[in-house]
């Protein structure tokens, strides 16, 4: 399983990192960046074909306008699961009710 985080959005750019969930209290070497993620409510979108670019577009053009939710500040995640040739993905976006 591979995780990527999208964070520090400026309107024109964002940071993108490959990451892994670590148990609380585990120390990591200083050469690594640690991204703390607060408790949030997440909208999670599954993409069985792992075409996350198309899924991002659909989330913002179809789901958000009709969902009754809005995005809140926080990192967004792309999750990749499976084996080569049989990969699926997820997008996690922090949200709140309008």
PDB file of N, CA and C in Angstrom:
ATOM      1  N   UNK A   1       0.838  -1.165   0.000  1.00  0.00           N
ATOM      2  CA  UNK A   1       0.000   0.000   0.000  1.00  0.00           C
ATOM      3  C   UNK A   1       0.890   1.236   0.000  1.00  0.00           C
ATOM      4  N   UNK A   2       0.549   2.191  -0.827  1.00  0.00           N
ATOM      5  CA  UNK A   2       1.289   3.439  -0.934  1.00  0.00           C
ATOM      6  C   UNK A   2       0.344   4.585  -0.641  1.00  0.00           C
ATOM      7  N   UNK A   3       0.794   5.549   0.149  1.00  0.00           N
ATOM      8  CA  UNK A   3       0.022   6.746   0.440  1.00  0.00           C
ATOM      9  C   UNK A   3       0.772   7.942  -0.112  1.00  0.00           C
ATOM     10  N   UNK A   4       0.042   8.920  -0.605  1.00  0.00           N
ATOM     11  CA  UNK A   4       0.638  10.197  -0.950  1.00  0.00           C
ATOM     12  C   UNK A   4      -0.210  11.286  -0.318  1.00  0.00           C
ATOM     13  N   UNK A   5       0.422  12.348   0.118  1.00  0.00           N
ATOM     14  CA  UNK A   5      -0.281  13.463   0.742  1.00  0.00           C
ATOM     15  C   UNK A   5      -0.110  14.704  -0.112  1.00  0.00           C
ATOM     16  N   UNK A   6      -1.186  15.461  -0.269  1.00  0.00           N
ATOM     17  CA  UNK A   6      -1.171  16.743  -0.940  1.00  0.00           C
ATOM     18  C   UNK A   6      -1.502  17.767   0.132  1.00  0.00           C
ATOM     19  N   UNK A   7      -0.641  18.752   0.345  1.00  0.00           N
ATOM     20  CA  UNK A   7      -0.843  19.696   1.447  1.00  0.00           C
ATOM     21  C   UNK A   7      -0.153  21.017   1.148  1.00  0.00           C
ATOM     22  N   UNK A   8      -0.343  21.994   2.033  1.00  0.00           N
ATOM     23  CA  UNK A   8       0.197  23.350   1.869  1.00  0.00           C
ATOM     24  C   UNK A   8      -0.198  23.951   0.521  1.00  0.00           C
ATOM     25  N   UNK A   9      -1.496  23.917   0.244  1.00  0.00           N
ATOM     26  CA  UNK A   9      -2.018  24.479  -1.001  1.00  0.00           C
ATOM     27  C   UNK A   9      -1.893  26.002  -0.974  1.00  0.00           C
ATOM     28  N   UNK A  10      -1.430  26.584  -2.071  1.00  0.00           N
ATOM     29  CA  UNK A  10      -1.301  28.038  -2.158  1.00  0.00           C
ATOM     30  C   UNK A  10      -2.258  28.624  -3.187  1.00  0.00           C
ATOM     31  N   UNK A  11      -3.051  27.824  -3.838  1.00  0.00           N
ATOM     32  CA  UNK A  11      -3.906  28.287  -4.927  1.00  0.00           C
ATOM     33  C   UNK A  11      -3.296  27.987  -6.283  1.00  0.00           C
ATOM     34  N   UNK A  12      -1.978  28.006  -6.355  1.00  0.00           N
ATOM     35  CA  UNK A  12      -1.289  27.713  -7.605  1.00  0.00           C
ATOM     36  C   UNK A  12      -0.400  26.478  -7.511  1.00  0.00           C
ATOM     37  N   UNK A  13      -0.093  26.055  -6.281  1.00  0.00           N
ATOM     38  CA  UNK A  13       0.772  24.890  -6.110  1.00  0.00           C
ATOM     39  C   UNK A  13       0.461  24.212  -4.776  1.00  0.00           C
ATOM     40  N   UNK A  14       1.071  23.069  -4.571  1.00  0.00           N
ATOM     41  CA  UNK A  14       0.937  22.342  -3.312  1.00  0.00           C
ATOM     42  C   UNK A  14       2.142  21.431  -3.172  1.00  0.00           C
ATOM     43  N   UNK A  15       2.342  20.961  -1.956  1.00  0.00           N
ATOM     44  CA  UNK A  15       3.401  19.979  -1.715  1.00  0.00           C
ATOM     45  C   UNK A  15       2.791  18.592  -1.864  1.00  0.00           C
ATOM     46  N   UNK A  16       3.606  17.655  -2.333  1.00  0.00           N
ATOM     47  CA  UNK A  16       3.161  16.281  -2.592  1.00  0.00           C
ATOM     48  C   UNK A  16       4.239  15.370  -2.036  1.00  0.00           C
ATOM     49  N   UNK A  17       3.871  14.486  -1.124  1.00  0.00           N
ATOM     50  CA  UNK A  17       4.866  13.585  -0.547  1.00  0.00           C
ATOM     51  C   UNK A  17       4.362  12.152  -0.514  1.00  0.00           C
ATOM     52  N   UNK A  18       5.271  11.232  -0.654  1.00  0.00           N
ATOM     53  CA  UNK A  18       4.976   9.818  -0.431  1.00  0.00           C
ATOM     54  C   UNK A  18       5.056   9.619   1.072  1.00  0.00           C
ATOM     55  N   UNK A  19       4.082   8.937   1.641  1.00  0.00           N
ATOM     56  CA  UNK A  19       4.058   8.838   3.106  1.00  0.00           C
ATOM     57  C   UNK A  19       3.541   7.471   3.557  1.00  0.00           C
ATOM     58  N   UNK A  20       3.619   7.285   4.850  1.00  0.00           N
ATOM     59  CA  UNK A  20       3.184   6.045   5.467  1.00  0.00           C
ATOM     60  C   UNK A  20       2.659   6.367   6.855  1.00  0.00           C
ATOM     61  N   UNK A  21       1.562   5.748   7.230  1.00  0.00           N
ATOM     62  CA  UNK A  21       0.990   5.960   8.558  1.00  0.00           C
ATOM     63  C   UNK A  21       1.883   5.295   9.599  1.00  0.00           C
ATOM     64  N   UNK A  22       2.276   6.053  10.614  1.00  0.00           N
ATOM     65  CA  UNK A  22       3.126   5.518  11.674  1.00  0.00           C
ATOM     66  C   UNK A  22       2.362   5.473  12.987  1.00  0.00           C
ATOM     67  N   UNK A  23       2.615   4.472  13.794  1.00  0.00           N
ATOM     68  CA  UNK A  23       1.980   4.419  15.113  1.00  0.00           C
ATOM     69  C   UNK A  23       2.386   5.634  15.950  1.00  0.00           C
ATOM     70  N   UNK A  24       1.465   6.119  16.766  1.00  0.00           N
ATOM     71  CA  UNK A  24       1.719   7.267  17.636  1.00  0.00           C
ATOM     72  C   UNK A  24       2.911   6.966  18.541  1.00  0.00           C
ATOM     73  N   UNK A  25       3.791   7.950  18.664  1.00  0.00           N
ATOM     74  CA  UNK A  25       4.945   7.810  19.540  1.00  0.00           C
ATOM     75  C   UNK A  25       6.183   7.235  18.879  1.00  0.00           C
ATOM     76  N   UNK A  26       6.067   6.728  17.666  1.00  0.00           N
ATOM     77  CA  UNK A  26       7.228   6.169  16.975  1.00  0.00           C
ATOM     78  C   UNK A  26       8.111   7.307  16.478  1.00  0.00           C
ATOM     79  N   UNK A  27       9.370   7.270  16.826  1.00  0.00           N
ATOM     80  CA  UNK A  27      10.315   8.297  16.397  1.00  0.00           C
ATOM     81  C   UNK A  27      10.845   7.967  15.004  1.00  0.00           C
ATOM     82  N   UNK A  28      10.980   8.991  14.186  1.00  0.00           N
ATOM     83  CA  UNK A  28      11.533   8.796  12.852  1.00  0.00           C
ATOM     84  C   UNK A  28      12.821   9.612  12.730  1.00  0.00           C
ATOM     85  N   UNK A  29      13.729   9.208  11.857  1.00  0.00           N
ATOM     86  CA  UNK A  29      14.972   9.970  11.679  1.00  0.00           C
ATOM     87  C   UNK A  29      14.692  11.405  11.250  1.00  0.00           C
ATOM     88  N   UNK A  30      15.533  12.337  11.655  1.00  0.00           N
ATOM     89  CA  UNK A  30      15.350  13.760  11.370  1.00  0.00           C
ATOM     90  C   UNK A  30      15.363  14.078   9.881  1.00  0.00           C
ATOM     91  N   UNK A  31      15.943  13.222   9.056  1.00  0.00           N
ATOM     92  CA  UNK A  31      16.008  13.502   7.619  1.00  0.00           C
ATOM     93  C   UNK A  31      14.635  13.380   6.945  1.00  0.00           C
ATOM     94  N   UNK A  32      13.648  12.802   7.646  1.00  0.00           N
ATOM     95  CA  UNK A  32      12.300  12.658   7.110  1.00  0.00           C
ATOM     96  C   UNK A  32      11.411  13.796   7.597  1.00  0.00           C
ATOM     97  N   UNK A  33      10.425  14.162   6.777  1.00  0.00           N
ATOM     98  CA  UNK A  33       9.439  15.169   7.156  1.00  0.00           C
ATOM     99  C   UNK A  33       8.247  14.470   7.793  1.00  0.00           C
ATOM    100  N   UNK A  34       7.787  15.024   8.903  1.00  0.00           N
ATOM    101  CA  UNK A  34       6.630  14.465   9.592  1.00  0.00           C
ATOM    102  C   UNK A  34       5.438  15.386   9.356  1.00  0.00           C
ATOM    103  N   UNK A  35       4.345  14.824   8.866  1.00  0.00           N
ATOM    104  CA  UNK A  35       3.115  15.565   8.608  1.00  0.00           C
ATOM    105  C   UNK A  35       2.085  15.120   9.629  1.00  0.00           C
ATOM    106  N   UNK A  36       1.723  16.015  10.527  1.00  0.00           N
ATOM    107  CA  UNK A  36       0.696  15.692  11.520  1.00  0.00           C
ATOM    108  C   UNK A  36      -0.672  15.945  10.906  1.00  0.00           C
ATOM    109  N   UNK A  37      -1.563  14.987  11.070  1.00  0.00           N
ATOM    110  CA  UNK A  37      -2.898  15.089  10.500  1.00  0.00           C
ATOM    111  C   UNK A  37      -3.911  15.150  11.646  1.00  0.00           C
ATOM    112  N   UNK A  38      -4.660  16.247  11.745  1.00  0.00           N
ATOM    113  CA  UNK A  38      -5.649  16.361  12.815  1.00  0.00           C
ATOM    114  C   UNK A  38      -6.840  15.442  12.554  1.00  0.00           C
ATOM    115  N   UNK A  39      -7.624  15.211  13.588  1.00  0.00           N
ATOM    116  CA  UNK A  39      -8.859  14.433  13.424  1.00  0.00           C
ATOM    117  C   UNK A  39      -9.814  15.251  12.553  1.00  0.00           C
ATOM    118  N   UNK A  40     -10.261  14.677  11.465  1.00  0.00           N
ATOM    119  CA  UNK A  40     -11.155  15.345  10.520  1.00  0.00           C
ATOM    120  C   UNK A  40     -12.206  14.361  10.042  1.00  0.00           C
ATOM    121  N   UNK A  41     -13.239  14.872   9.396  1.00  0.00           N
ATOM    122  CA  UNK A  41     -14.211  14.032   8.700  1.00  0.00           C
ATOM    123  C   UNK A  41     -13.741  13.942   7.255  1.00  0.00           C
ATOM    124  N   UNK A  42     -13.728  12.728   6.720  1.00  0.00           N
ATOM    125  CA  UNK A  42     -13.175  12.497   5.387  1.00  0.00           C
ATOM    126  C   UNK A  42     -14.239  12.009   4.422  1.00  0.00           C
ATOM    127  N   UNK A  43     -14.227  12.558   3.211  1.00  0.00           N
ATOM    128  CA  UNK A  43     -14.980  11.984   2.094  1.00  0.00           C
ATOM    129  C   UNK A  43     -13.967  11.093   1.372  1.00  0.00           C
ATOM    130  N   UNK A  44     -14.329   9.825   1.198  1.00  0.00           N
ATOM    131  CA  UNK A  44     -13.406   8.851   0.615  1.00  0.00           C
ATOM    132  C   UNK A  44     -14.017   8.326  -0.678  1.00  0.00           C
ATOM    133  N   UNK A  45     -13.249   8.397  -1.747  1.00  0.00           N
ATOM    134  CA  UNK A  45     -13.724   8.010  -3.072  1.00  0.00           C
ATOM    135  C   UNK A  45     -12.855   6.880  -3.600  1.00  0.00           C
ATOM    136  N   UNK A  46     -13.472   5.751  -3.915  1.00  0.00           N
ATOM    137  CA  UNK A  46     -12.775   4.577  -4.436  1.00  0.00           C
ATOM    138  C   UNK A  46     -12.749   4.627  -5.962  1.00  0.00           C
ATOM    139  N   UNK A  47     -11.605   4.281  -6.521  1.00  0.00           N
ATOM    140  CA  UNK A  47     -11.454   4.185  -7.979  1.00  0.00           C
ATOM    141  C   UNK A  47     -10.842   2.830  -8.307  1.00  0.00           C
ATOM    142  N   UNK A  48     -11.697   1.844  -8.692  1.00  0.00           N
ATOM    143  CA  UNK A  48     -11.200   0.490  -8.944  1.00  0.00           C
ATOM    144  C   UNK A  48     -10.154   0.393 -10.049  1.00  0.00           C
ATOM    145  N   UNK A  49     -10.174   1.310 -11.019  1.00  0.00           N
ATOM    146  CA  UNK A  49      -9.208   1.269 -12.116  1.00  0.00           C
ATOM    147  C   UNK A  49      -7.978   2.135 -11.842  1.00  0.00           C
ATOM    148  N   UNK A  50      -7.963   2.799 -10.695  1.00  0.00           N
ATOM    149  CA  UNK A  50      -6.835   3.641 -10.264  1.00  0.00           C
ATOM    150  C   UNK A  50      -6.603   4.840 -11.185  1.00  0.00           C
ATOM    151  N   UNK A  51      -7.669   5.319 -11.838  1.00  0.00           N
ATOM    152  CA  UNK A  51      -7.570   6.513 -12.678  1.00  0.00           C
ATOM    153  C   UNK A  51      -7.912   7.722 -11.809  1.00  0.00           C
ATOM    154  N   UNK A  52      -6.974   8.104 -10.960  1.00  0.00           N
ATOM    155  CA  UNK A  52      -7.248   9.139  -9.973  1.00  0.00           C
ATOM    156  C   UNK A  52      -7.372  10.526 -10.588  1.00  0.00           C
ATOM    157  N   UNK A  53      -6.744  10.782 -11.721  1.00  0.00           N
ATOM    158  CA  UNK A  53      -6.894  12.091 -12.359  1.00  0.00           C
ATOM    159  C   UNK A  53      -8.350  12.335 -12.754  1.00  0.00           C
ATOM    160  N   UNK A  54      -8.985  11.357 -13.358  1.00  0.00           N
ATOM    161  CA  UNK A  54     -10.403  11.495 -13.715  1.00  0.00           C
ATOM    162  C   UNK A  54     -11.270  11.573 -12.463  1.00  0.00           C
ATOM    163  N   UNK A  55     -10.910  10.812 -11.429  1.00  0.00           N
ATOM    164  CA  UNK A  55     -11.694  10.839 -10.197  1.00  0.00           C
ATOM    165  C   UNK A  55     -11.628  12.212  -9.538  1.00  0.00           C
ATOM    166  N   UNK A  56     -10.447  12.842  -9.471  1.00  0.00           N
ATOM    167  CA  UNK A  56     -10.349  14.201  -8.914  1.00  0.00           C
ATOM    168  C   UNK A  56     -11.321  15.141  -9.631  1.00  0.00           C
ATOM    169  N   UNK A  57     -11.334  15.061 -10.955  1.00  0.00           N
ATOM    170  CA  UNK A  57     -12.224  15.928 -11.737  1.00  0.00           C
ATOM    171  C   UNK A  57     -13.688  15.674 -11.383  1.00  0.00           C
ATOM    172  N   UNK A  58     -14.077  14.417 -11.295  1.00  0.00           N
ATOM    173  CA  UNK A  58     -15.473  14.081 -10.980  1.00  0.00           C
ATOM    174  C   UNK A  58     -15.853  14.532  -9.571  1.00  0.00           C
ATOM    175  N   UNK A  59     -14.951  14.399  -8.619  1.00  0.00           N
ATOM    176  CA  UNK A  59     -15.239  14.823  -7.245  1.00  0.00           C
ATOM    177  C   UNK A  59     -15.606  16.306  -7.223  1.00  0.00           C
ATOM    178  N   UNK A  60     -14.813  17.131  -7.903  1.00  0.00           N
ATOM    179  CA  UNK A  60     -15.039  18.580  -7.853  1.00  0.00           C
ATOM    180  C   UNK A  60     -16.146  19.061  -8.784  1.00  0.00           C
ATOM    181  N   UNK A  61     -16.391  18.370  -9.883  1.00  0.00           N
ATOM    182  CA  UNK A  61     -17.446  18.827 -10.802  1.00  0.00           C
ATOM    183  C   UNK A  61     -18.795  18.171 -10.552  1.00  0.00           C
ATOM    184  N   UNK A  62     -18.813  16.970  -9.944  1.00  0.00           N
ATOM    185  CA  UNK A  62     -20.073  16.260  -9.741  1.00  0.00           C
ATOM    186  C   UNK A  62     -20.444  16.114  -8.265  1.00  0.00           C
ATOM    187  N   UNK A  63     -19.503  15.646  -7.436  1.00  0.00           N
ATOM    188  CA  UNK A  63     -19.864  15.316  -6.067  1.00  0.00           C
ATOM    189  C   UNK A  63     -20.028  16.549  -5.188  1.00  0.00           C
ATOM    190  N   UNK A  64     -19.024  17.428  -5.146  1.00  0.00           N
ATOM    191  CA  UNK A  64     -19.125  18.597  -4.270  1.00  0.00           C
ATOM    192  C   UNK A  64     -20.347  19.466  -4.560  1.00  0.00           C
ATOM    193  N   UNK A  65     -20.681  19.754  -5.820  1.00  0.00           N
ATOM    194  CA  UNK A  65     -21.842  20.623  -6.063  1.00  0.00           C
ATOM    195  C   UNK A  65     -23.175  20.038  -5.581  1.00  0.00           C
ATOM    196  N   UNK A  66     -23.277  18.730  -5.408  1.00  0.00           N
ATOM    197  CA  UNK A  66     -24.556  18.112  -5.045  1.00  0.00           C
ATOM    198  C   UNK A  66     -24.552  17.414  -3.692  1.00  0.00           C
ATOM    199  N   UNK A  67     -23.432  17.405  -2.987  1.00  0.00           N
ATOM    200  CA  UNK A  67     -23.276  16.556  -1.807  1.00  0.00           C
ATOM    201  C   UNK A  67     -23.766  17.150  -0.502  1.00  0.00           C
ATOM    202  N   UNK A  68     -23.819  18.468  -0.399  1.00  0.00           N
ATOM    203  CA  UNK A  68     -24.128  19.081   0.890  1.00  0.00           C
ATOM    204  C   UNK A  68     -22.901  19.204   1.782  1.00  0.00           C
ATOM    205  N   UNK A  69     -21.725  18.919   1.236  1.00  0.00           N
ATOM    206  CA  UNK A  69     -20.461  19.046   1.966  1.00  0.00           C
ATOM    207  C   UNK A  69     -19.573  20.060   1.282  1.00  0.00           C
ATOM    208  N   UNK A  70     -18.638  20.596   2.055  1.00  0.00           N
ATOM    209  CA  UNK A  70     -17.614  21.457   1.497  1.00  0.00           C
ATOM    210  C   UNK A  70     -16.267  21.030   2.044  1.00  0.00           C
ATOM    211  N   UNK A  71     -15.251  21.315   1.275  1.00  0.00           N
ATOM    212  CA  UNK A  71     -13.897  20.946   1.683  1.00  0.00           C
ATOM    213  C   UNK A  71     -13.433  21.864   2.804  1.00  0.00           C
ATOM    214  N   UNK A  72     -12.657  21.299   3.743  1.00  0.00           N
ATOM    215  CA  UNK A  72     -12.047  22.088   4.806  1.00  0.00           C
ATOM    216  C   UNK A  72     -10.535  21.996   4.674  1.00  0.00           C
ATOM    217  N   UNK A  73      -9.854  22.885   5.382  1.00  0.00           N
ATOM    218  CA  UNK A  73      -8.395  22.887   5.324  1.00  0.00           C
ATOM    219  C   UNK A  73      -7.836  21.611   5.939  1.00  0.00           C
ATOM    220  N   UNK A  74      -6.860  21.063   5.286  1.00  0.00           N
ATOM    221  CA  UNK A  74      -6.209  19.843   5.742  1.00  0.00           C
ATOM    222  C   UNK A  74      -5.609  19.121   4.563  1.00  0.00           C
ATOM    223  N   UNK A  75      -4.752  18.164   4.827  1.00  0.00           N
ATOM    224  CA  UNK A  75      -4.146  17.420   3.721  1.00  0.00           C
ATOM    225  C   UNK A  75      -5.172  16.549   3.012  1.00  0.00           C
ATOM    226  N   UNK A  76      -4.914  16.296   1.755  1.00  0.00           N
ATOM    227  CA  UNK A  76      -5.693  15.347   0.970  1.00  0.00           C
ATOM    228  C   UNK A  76      -4.776  14.162   0.706  1.00  0.00           C
ATOM    229  N   UNK A  77      -5.375  12.993   0.567  1.00  0.00           N
ATOM    230  CA  UNK A  77      -4.561  11.804   0.370  1.00  0.00           C
ATOM    231  C   UNK A  77      -4.985  11.045  -0.873  1.00  0.00           C
ATOM    232  N   UNK A  78      -3.997  10.461  -1.534  1.00  0.00           N
ATOM    233  CA  UNK A  78      -4.231   9.454  -2.557  1.00  0.00           C
ATOM    234  C   UNK A  78      -3.689   8.150  -1.988  1.00  0.00           C
ATOM    235  N   UNK A  79      -4.487   7.106  -2.032  1.00  0.00           N
ATOM    236  CA  UNK A  79      -4.083   5.795  -1.533  1.00  0.00           C
ATOM    237  C   UNK A  79      -4.057   4.843  -2.726  1.00  0.00           C
ATOM    238  N   UNK A  80      -3.007   4.056  -2.802  1.00  0.00           N
ATOM    239  CA  UNK A  80      -2.847   3.079  -3.888  1.00  0.00           C
ATOM    240  C   UNK A  80      -2.722   1.690  -3.274  1.00  0.00           C
ATOM    241  N   UNK A  81      -3.526   0.748  -3.777  1.00  0.00           N
ATOM    242  CA  UNK A  81      -3.547  -0.612  -3.250  1.00  0.00           C
ATOM    243  C   UNK A  81      -3.391  -1.605  -4.389  1.00  0.00           C
ATOM    244  N   UNK A  82      -2.847  -2.765  -4.088  1.00  0.00           N
ATOM    245  CA  UNK A  82      -2.828  -3.847  -5.054  1.00  0.00           C
ATOM    246  C   UNK A  82      -1.443  -4.187  -5.562  1.00  0.00           C
ATOM    247  N   UNK A  83      -1.455  -4.878  -6.660  1.00  0.00           N
ATOM    248  CA  UNK A  83      -0.236  -5.349  -7.310  1.00  0.00           C
ATOM    249  C   UNK A  83      -0.170  -4.730  -8.699  1.00  0.00           C
ATOM    250  N   UNK A  84       1.012  -4.692  -9.325  1.00  0.00           N
ATOM    251  CA  UNK A  84       1.098  -4.174 -10.688  1.00  0.00           C
ATOM    252  C   UNK A  84       0.087  -4.867 -11.604  1.00  0.00           C
ATOM    253  N   UNK A  85      -0.645  -4.066 -12.349  1.00  0.00           N
ATOM    254  CA  UNK A  85      -1.670  -4.603 -13.246  1.00  0.00           C
ATOM    255  C   UNK A  85      -3.022  -4.784 -12.585  1.00  0.00           C
ATOM    256  N   UNK A  86      -3.088  -4.739 -11.276  1.00  0.00           N
ATOM    257  CA  UNK A  86      -4.343  -4.904 -10.534  1.00  0.00           C
ATOM    258  C   UNK A  86      -4.393  -3.893  -9.392  1.00  0.00           C
ATOM    259  N   UNK A  87      -4.224  -2.627  -9.732  1.00  0.00           N
ATOM    260  CA  UNK A  87      -4.155  -1.580  -8.726  1.00  0.00           C
ATOM    261  C   UNK A  87      -5.480  -0.838  -8.647  1.00  0.00           C
ATOM    262  N   UNK A  88      -5.887  -0.469  -7.447  1.00  0.00           N
ATOM    263  CA  UNK A  88      -7.020   0.418  -7.265  1.00  0.00           C
ATOM    264  C   UNK A  88      -6.568   1.569  -6.379  1.00  0.00           C
ATOM    265  N   UNK A  89      -7.339   2.629  -6.369  1.00  0.00           N
ATOM    266  CA  UNK A  89      -6.938   3.785  -5.593  1.00  0.00           C
ATOM    267  C   UNK A  89      -8.096   4.434  -4.871  1.00  0.00           C
ATOM    268  N   UNK A  90      -7.757   5.322  -3.958  1.00  0.00           N
ATOM    269  CA  UNK A  90      -8.739   6.108  -3.216  1.00  0.00           C
ATOM    270  C   UNK A  90      -8.229   7.537  -3.120  1.00  0.00           C
ATOM    271  N   UNK A  91      -9.179   8.448  -3.026  1.00  0.00           N
ATOM    272  CA  UNK A  91      -8.882   9.835  -2.717  1.00  0.00           C
ATOM    273  C   UNK A  91      -9.599  10.155  -1.410  1.00  0.00           C
ATOM    274  N   UNK A  92      -8.882  10.772  -0.481  1.00  0.00           N
ATOM    275  CA  UNK A  92      -9.439  11.189   0.808  1.00  0.00           C
ATOM    276  C   UNK A  92      -9.377  12.711   0.870  1.00  0.00           C
ATOM    277  N   UNK A  93     -10.530  13.357   1.108  1.00  0.00           N
ATOM    278  CA  UNK A  93     -10.597  14.804   1.193  1.00  0.00           C
ATOM    279  C   UNK A  93     -11.289  15.184   2.500  1.00  0.00           C
ATOM    280  N   UNK A  94     -10.699  16.104   3.289  1.00  0.00           N
ATOM    281  CA  UNK A  94     -11.358  16.524   4.526  1.00  0.00           C
ATOM    282  C   UNK A  94     -12.550  17.424   4.213  1.00  0.00           C
ATOM    283  N   UNK A  95     -13.689  17.156   4.881  1.00  0.00           N
ATOM    284  CA  UNK A  95     -14.934  17.868   4.565  1.00  0.00           C
ATOM    285  C   UNK A  95     -15.707  18.211   5.842  1.00  0.00           C
ATOM    286  N   UNK A  96     -16.715  19.076   5.654  1.00  0.00           N
ATOM    287  CA  UNK A  96     -17.706  19.343   6.703  1.00  0.00           C
ATOM    288  C   UNK A  96     -19.029  19.605   6.009  1.00  0.00           C
ATOM    289  N   UNK A  97     -20.127  19.414   6.739  1.00  0.00           N
ATOM    290  CA  UNK A  97     -21.468  19.716   6.201  1.00  0.00           C
ATOM    291  C   UNK A  97     -21.572  21.202   5.982  1.00  0.00           C
ATOM    292  N   UNK A  98     -22.271  21.602   4.906  1.00  0.00           N
ATOM    293  CA  UNK A  98     -22.496  23.018   4.612  1.00  0.00           C
ATOM    294  C   UNK A  98     -23.460  23.591   5.620  1.00  0.00           C
TER     295      UNK A  98
END
